[in-house]
Amino acid sequence: MKIIKSDLKHGIMVLKTEVEEDLWYLKHVVDLGDKVKSRTMRSEFIERSGKKIKTGKRPMVLTLDVEKIEFKDHVYKLRFLGKIIEGPDDVPLGSYHTIEVDVGNVLTITKEKWEKYHLEKIKKAQKRIPKILLT
């Protein structure tokens, strides 16, 4: 994991995931109630004859107030679910969204207070243990 920016005085850290194991570490760094900002895909709909019709997905940057965290370790899938608190003008604030985190994603995490164990997890994630193939 790479720290892009750290402003702990204001509770902000910007991180980039570099390997699948970083997703496991993020699961233990982000808590319910934290704010997570990232580029994501959001489905778009139009209303026709009283029915919502999906028209596709559009990339955008959203900030969520995290209400649920899902991690599937056997496939390294991490998802943050919550209410949108910041985004484009045409996206209703307070609506729900899920940010799926993959390797290479950049996330801004905002906490009321960064605890020592949060920072230790990030420090561990930065240390790469080389994988050795024995034949």
C-alpha atoms as a PDB file:
ATOM      1  CA  MET A   1       0.000   0.000   0.000  1.00  0.00           C
ATOM      2  CA  LYS A   2       1.237   3.451  -0.803  1.00  0.00           C
ATOM      3  CA  ILE A   3       0.508   6.575   1.229  1.00  0.00           C
ATOM      4  CA  ILE A   4      -0.138   9.392  -1.230  1.00  0.00           C
ATOM      5  CA  LYS A   5      -1.060  12.012   1.369  1.00  0.00           C
ATOM      6  CA  SER A   6      -1.309  12.038   5.147  1.00  0.00           C
ATOM      7  CA  ASP A   7      -2.929  14.891   7.093  1.00  0.00           C
ATOM      8  CA  LEU A   8      -3.729  13.289  10.432  1.00  0.00           C
ATOM      9  CA  LYS A   9      -4.389  16.700  12.004  1.00  0.00           C
ATOM     10  CA  HIS A  10      -7.515  16.870   9.827  1.00  0.00           C
ATOM     11  CA  GLY A  11      -8.127  13.094   9.944  1.00  0.00           C
ATOM     12  CA  ILE A  12      -7.325  12.513   6.263  1.00  0.00           C
ATOM     13  CA  MET A  13      -5.184   9.886   4.580  1.00  0.00           C
ATOM     14  CA  VAL A  14      -5.011   9.133   0.850  1.00  0.00           C
ATOM     15  CA  LEU A  15      -3.931   5.570   0.052  1.00  0.00           C
ATOM     16  CA  LYS A  16      -3.323   3.560  -3.104  1.00  0.00           C
ATOM     17  CA  THR A  17      -3.756  -0.211  -3.104  1.00  0.00           C
ATOM     18  CA  GLU A  18      -0.880  -2.018  -4.795  1.00  0.00           C
ATOM     19  CA  VAL A  19      -1.476  -5.731  -4.129  1.00  0.00           C
ATOM     20  CA  GLU A  20      -4.458  -7.882  -3.146  1.00  0.00           C
ATOM     21  CA  GLU A  21      -3.279  -8.142   0.467  1.00  0.00           C
ATOM     22  CA  ASP A  22      -3.773  -4.373   0.794  1.00  0.00           C
ATOM     23  CA  LEU A  23      -7.527  -4.973   0.632  1.00  0.00           C
ATOM     24  CA  TRP A  24      -7.311  -7.119   3.778  1.00  0.00           C
ATOM     25  CA  TYR A  25      -5.396  -4.358   5.567  1.00  0.00           C
ATOM     26  CA  LEU A  26      -7.935  -1.726   4.467  1.00  0.00           C
ATOM     27  CA  LYS A  27     -10.725  -3.839   5.931  1.00  0.00           C
ATOM     28  CA  HIS A  28      -8.999  -3.447   9.302  1.00  0.00           C
ATOM     29  CA  VAL A  29      -8.273   0.266   8.866  1.00  0.00           C
ATOM     30  CA  VAL A  30     -11.697   1.568   7.800  1.00  0.00           C
ATOM     31  CA  ASP A  31     -14.346   1.619  10.535  1.00  0.00           C
ATOM     32  CA  LEU A  32     -18.094   2.166  10.389  1.00  0.00           C
ATOM     33  CA  GLY A  33     -18.753   5.909  10.349  1.00  0.00           C
ATOM     34  CA  ASP A  34     -15.539   6.732   8.487  1.00  0.00           C
ATOM     35  CA  LYS A  35     -15.729   8.662   5.228  1.00  0.00           C
ATOM     36  CA  VAL A  36     -14.346   6.949   2.120  1.00  0.00           C
ATOM     37  CA  LYS A  37     -13.882   8.814  -1.156  1.00  0.00           C
ATOM     38  CA  SER A  38     -12.985   7.062  -4.395  1.00  0.00           C
ATOM     39  CA  ARG A  39     -13.625   6.832  -8.104  1.00  0.00           C
ATOM     40  CA  THR A  40     -16.474   4.400  -8.706  1.00  0.00           C
ATOM     41  CA  MET A  41     -19.075   3.336 -11.256  1.00  0.00           C
ATOM     42  CA  ARG A  42     -22.718   4.267 -10.616  1.00  0.00           C
ATOM     43  CA  SER A  43     -25.736   2.946 -12.468  1.00  0.00           C
ATOM     44  CA  GLU A  44     -27.899   5.508 -14.212  1.00  0.00           C
ATOM     45  CA  PHE A  45     -31.625   5.228 -14.774  1.00  0.00           C
ATOM     46  CA  ILE A  46     -34.312   7.072 -16.698  1.00  0.00           C
ATOM     47  CA  GLU A  47     -37.986   7.011 -15.868  1.00  0.00           C
ATOM     48  CA  ARG A  48     -40.315   5.996 -18.660  1.00  0.00           C
ATOM     49  CA  SER A  49     -44.009   5.278 -18.182  1.00  0.00           C
ATOM     50  CA  GLY A  50     -43.539   5.219 -14.412  1.00  0.00           C
ATOM     51  CA  LYS A  51     -40.789   2.595 -14.560  1.00  0.00           C
ATOM     52  CA  LYS A  52     -37.070   3.021 -13.946  1.00  0.00           C
ATOM     53  CA  ILE A  53     -34.946   1.767 -16.825  1.00  0.00           C
ATOM     54  CA  LYS A  54     -31.204   1.250 -16.398  1.00  0.00           C
ATOM     55  CA  THR A  55     -29.277   3.140 -19.067  1.00  0.00           C
ATOM     56  CA  GLY A  56     -25.750   2.124 -18.090  1.00  0.00           C
ATOM     57  CA  LYS A  57     -22.985   2.993 -15.679  1.00  0.00           C
ATOM     58  CA  ARG A  58     -20.994   6.189 -15.360  1.00  0.00           C
ATOM     59  CA  PRO A  59     -17.642   6.780 -13.638  1.00  0.00           C
ATOM     60  CA  MET A  60     -17.638   9.376 -10.865  1.00  0.00           C
ATOM     61  CA  VAL A  61     -15.982  10.296  -7.600  1.00  0.00           C
ATOM     62  CA  LEU A  62     -18.185   9.771  -4.535  1.00  0.00           C
ATOM     63  CA  THR A  63     -17.714  10.078  -0.795  1.00  0.00           C
ATOM     64  CA  LEU A  64     -19.607   7.642   1.419  1.00  0.00           C
ATOM     65  CA  ASP A  65     -20.365   7.607   5.118  1.00  0.00           C
ATOM     66  CA  VAL A  66     -19.467   3.937   5.642  1.00  0.00           C
ATOM     67  CA  GLU A  67     -22.298   1.870   7.142  1.00  0.00           C
ATOM     68  CA  LYS A  68     -21.157  -1.617   6.160  1.00  0.00           C
ATOM     69  CA  ILE A  69     -17.892  -3.294   5.139  1.00  0.00           C
ATOM     70  CA  GLU A  70     -17.784  -6.547   3.169  1.00  0.00           C
ATOM     71  CA  PHE A  71     -14.624  -8.533   2.544  1.00  0.00           C
ATOM     72  CA  LYS A  72     -14.349 -11.902   0.831  1.00  0.00           C
ATOM     73  CA  ASP A  73     -10.844 -13.151   1.509  1.00  0.00           C
ATOM     74  CA  HIS A  74     -10.953 -16.150  -0.810  1.00  0.00           C
ATOM     75  CA  VAL A  75     -11.318 -13.813  -3.810  1.00  0.00           C
ATOM     76  CA  TYR A  76      -9.929 -10.580  -2.306  1.00  0.00           C
ATOM     77  CA  LYS A  77     -13.047  -8.470  -2.792  1.00  0.00           C
ATOM     78  CA  LEU A  78     -13.576  -5.398  -0.591  1.00  0.00           C
ATOM     79  CA  ARG A  79     -16.718  -3.280  -0.619  1.00  0.00           C
ATOM     80  CA  PHE A  80     -17.733  -0.204   1.365  1.00  0.00           C
ATOM     81  CA  LEU A  81     -21.474   0.443   1.547  1.00  0.00           C
ATOM     82  CA  GLY A  82     -23.073   3.640   2.781  1.00  0.00           C
ATOM     83  CA  LYS A  83     -24.841   6.910   2.166  1.00  0.00           C
ATOM     84  CA  ILE A  84     -23.452   9.337  -0.380  1.00  0.00           C
ATOM     85  CA  ILE A  85     -22.350  12.543   1.342  1.00  0.00           C
ATOM     86  CA  GLU A  86     -20.460  14.111  -1.564  1.00  0.00           C
ATOM     87  CA  GLY A  87     -20.589  13.687  -5.330  1.00  0.00           C
ATOM     88  CA  PRO A  88     -21.680  15.237  -8.634  1.00  0.00           C
ATOM     89  CA  ASP A  89     -24.652  17.617  -8.560  1.00  0.00           C
ATOM     90  CA  ASP A  90     -26.936  15.141 -10.347  1.00  0.00           C
ATOM     91  CA  VAL A  91     -26.405  12.405  -7.717  1.00  0.00           C
ATOM     92  CA  PRO A  92     -28.799  12.724  -4.771  1.00  0.00           C
ATOM     93  CA  LEU A  93     -27.018  13.059  -1.436  1.00  0.00           C
ATOM     94  CA  GLY A  94     -28.262  10.534   1.110  1.00  0.00           C
ATOM     95  CA  SER A  95     -28.810   7.840  -1.505  1.00  0.00           C
ATOM     96  CA  TYR A  96     -26.921   4.582  -1.057  1.00  0.00           C
ATOM     97  CA  HIS A  97     -23.944   3.306  -3.016  1.00  0.00           C
ATOM     98  CA  THR A  98     -21.263   0.633  -2.829  1.00  0.00           C
ATOM     99  CA  ILE A  99     -17.617   1.357  -3.573  1.00  0.00           C
ATOM    100  CA  GLU A 100     -15.766  -1.748  -4.740  1.00  0.00           C
ATOM    101  CA  VAL A 101     -12.040  -1.561  -4.043  1.00  0.00           C
ATOM    102  CA  ASP A 102      -9.529  -3.226  -6.362  1.00  0.00           C
ATOM    103  CA  VAL A 103      -5.763  -3.201  -6.698  1.00  0.00           C
ATOM    104  CA  GLY A 104      -4.688   0.183  -8.060  1.00  0.00           C
ATOM    105  CA  ASN A 105      -7.546   2.161  -6.498  1.00  0.00           C
ATOM    106  CA  VAL A 106      -6.882   5.437  -4.716  1.00  0.00           C
ATOM    107  CA  LEU A 107      -9.014   6.098  -1.634  1.00  0.00           C
ATOM    108  CA  THR A 108      -9.304   9.069   0.667  1.00  0.00           C
ATOM    109  CA  ILE A 109     -10.161   7.926   4.186  1.00  0.00           C
ATOM    110  CA  THR A 110     -11.351  10.478   6.727  1.00  0.00           C
ATOM    111  CA  LYS A 111     -11.625   9.559  10.409  1.00  0.00           C
ATOM    112  CA  GLU A 112     -12.487  11.521  13.530  1.00  0.00           C
ATOM    113  CA  LYS A 113      -9.291  10.113  15.033  1.00  0.00           C
ATOM    114  CA  TRP A 114      -6.633   7.815  13.634  1.00  0.00           C
ATOM    115  CA  GLU A 115      -5.768   5.272  16.319  1.00  0.00           C
ATOM    116  CA  LYS A 116      -2.305   3.801  16.734  1.00  0.00           C
ATOM    117  CA  TYR A 117      -3.466   0.369  15.513  1.00  0.00           C
ATOM    118  CA  HIS A 118      -4.818   1.917  12.273  1.00  0.00           C
ATOM    119  CA  LEU A 119      -1.420   3.429  11.540  1.00  0.00           C
ATOM    120  CA  GLU A 120       0.352   0.169  12.434  1.00  0.00           C
ATOM    121  CA  LYS A 121      -1.805  -1.747   9.923  1.00  0.00           C
ATOM    122  CA  ILE A 122      -0.921   0.735   7.191  1.00  0.00           C
ATOM    123  CA  LYS A 123       2.761   0.511   8.096  1.00  0.00           C
ATOM    124  CA  LYS A 124       2.610  -3.307   7.871  1.00  0.00           C
ATOM    125  CA  ALA A 125       0.861  -3.091   4.506  1.00  0.00           C
ATOM    126  CA  GLN A 126       3.700  -0.954   3.182  1.00  0.00           C
ATOM    127  CA  LYS A 127       6.284  -3.627   3.976  1.00  0.00           C
ATOM    128  CA  ARG A 128       6.512  -6.130   1.170  1.00  0.00           C
ATOM    129  CA  ILE A 129       7.395  -9.689   2.013  1.00  0.00           C
ATOM    130  CA  PRO A 130       8.916 -11.184  -1.131  1.00  0.00           C
ATOM    131  CA  LYS A 131       7.328 -14.397  -2.301  1.00  0.00           C
ATOM    132  CA  ILE A 132       9.927 -17.005  -3.112  1.00  0.00           C
ATOM    133  CA  LEU A 133       9.184 -19.846  -5.472  1.00  0.00           C
ATOM    134  CA  LEU A 134      10.952 -23.039  -4.511  1.00  0.00           C
ATOM    135  CA  THR A 135      11.425 -25.673  -7.176  1.00  0.00           C
END
